[in-house]
Structure formats: structure tokens, C-alpha cells
Amino acid sequence: DNKTRDIRHSNANTPAPPKAPPVDYKARATGFLVDGKGYIVTNAHVANRLKKVIYVQNGSGVYSAVPVQIDEASDLAILKITDTAFKTISNLPYSIRKNTSDLGEAIFTLGYPRSEIVYGEGYLSAKSGNDGDSTAYQLSVSANPGNSGGPVLNKNGEIIGIITSKNLTAEGVVYAAKSKNIFKLIEELKKSDTASSNIKVPSSSLLKGLERTQQVKKLEEYVFMVLGN
């Protein structure tokens, strides 16, 4: 609607990843691993926009990826890293929450509104999204172009949501798809693609009890810049 917009980034000067072919990248977003075999969650509007060329980048390198499942209703998509240079990660340090989070719960985010990862913090301000959308949360947090697809975590290092859009008429009002939508998306993928039947979502967080700076250090490698055009 005219009150919200996708958090997108358009910048023809975005530098091409050093290990990728010389493509003129015009869009940037965020994604994060839900399985160490290279499955990344981001937004559906990001995957749809970048269907021609998609690369994902973290501190270890730049990798080609393809969309394997898209759900317009929740604005979520799963990308699969296809690059042979990517090494499977055995354990992800965070978990993905199945249950609803509490009003007023402190949250933090990581994303790529610029060419390096950026931290943000705030709180859960409503248990529903825009116009009472029960599949989303409303957050009070700063989000800028490029934050789309970024994880929203609570103090225990549980992912509770995925940033999707921001309100244009209220400063600092951001919407995030609830993390339980990830499980639904993965089940749909498993049904449509037998090669994805072994996806295993992390069920326990190794970040609980750590100071925030330590949590962020352990998280950074699993949050990716999503590039394409």
C-alpha cells in the first residue's frame, strides 16, 4: 500500500565483489543462513528483483546463488548457494524461534544498508504488522535500504523475524515477517525439491548469556550481503 515500501537499495556505484564476474550491481539486500549447507533466507521481493544474477557475500568470500523457494504472502524466499567454493558449515550459532515473541521484547538486527555489516537495536512494538498482518511484527528500530532480509534477534540469540518493509509515515516503524514463516517455507521447499529434504534448521542457540559484542562477532559470518541486478 502507499503507507509502506520495501526496504530496497539502488546504487549503480556499489562495488562488484572481488571474486565475482564484473557485473554492474544495482541492488543490495541482506540474507542469513538457515542451514549450513548453503540455504539462505531473504525477502521474496529481493529474490524476484535479482533473478538475473545473484551473489551472496560474507567475510569469507563471494558466492553465486539461486532462488529455490519464494513465498509472496510472507515476503520470504530461500536462496541456495551453488558455488563450489562454499564450504558447508556444521553448526550455526543461533536458533530460529517457532513461538510468538513478547510485546516490548528487546531486539537487535544485522544487515547491509552499506557495504559493511551494520548493527541496530530496538524493541518489538506490536505483535502484528501493517494493517494487522498476523504473519508479521511491528518493530521500533532503525532500518535503511539494504536491510531487507536481515535477521531480527532477541537477547538469547534466537531469530524471531526477518525485516521486510518500513512505514513511510512513521519514523522508526519497521515490519518483519515472523520467524515461524521460515519453517513453513522450508516444508514447502522439501515437498517440491527432494534434493532439499535434508535441510536442518538450527534448534538451539549458542549465543545465550553472551555479551552483545560477542554475540555479534559470532553472528557476522552467517549474515550475507545479497547482490544482483
Foldseek 3Di string as FASTA:
>chain_A
DVFKDWFWFADQPADDFPVDDPDRWGTKAKWFDQFQQFKIKFFLVVLVVFQVWKWKDAPVGIFTWHWQFHDNVLRMTIIGGPGPVRDGDDDQQAAADQDQDDAFFKKKWWWPLDPAIDIKIWGFHACADPPRHNQKTKTQMDDHHRHGHIFIAGQQRYGQWTWTMAGPVDPRITMTGGRNVVVVRLVVSCVVDVVSVPGDGDHHHNRGPPPPVVSCVSRRRRMIMMIGD
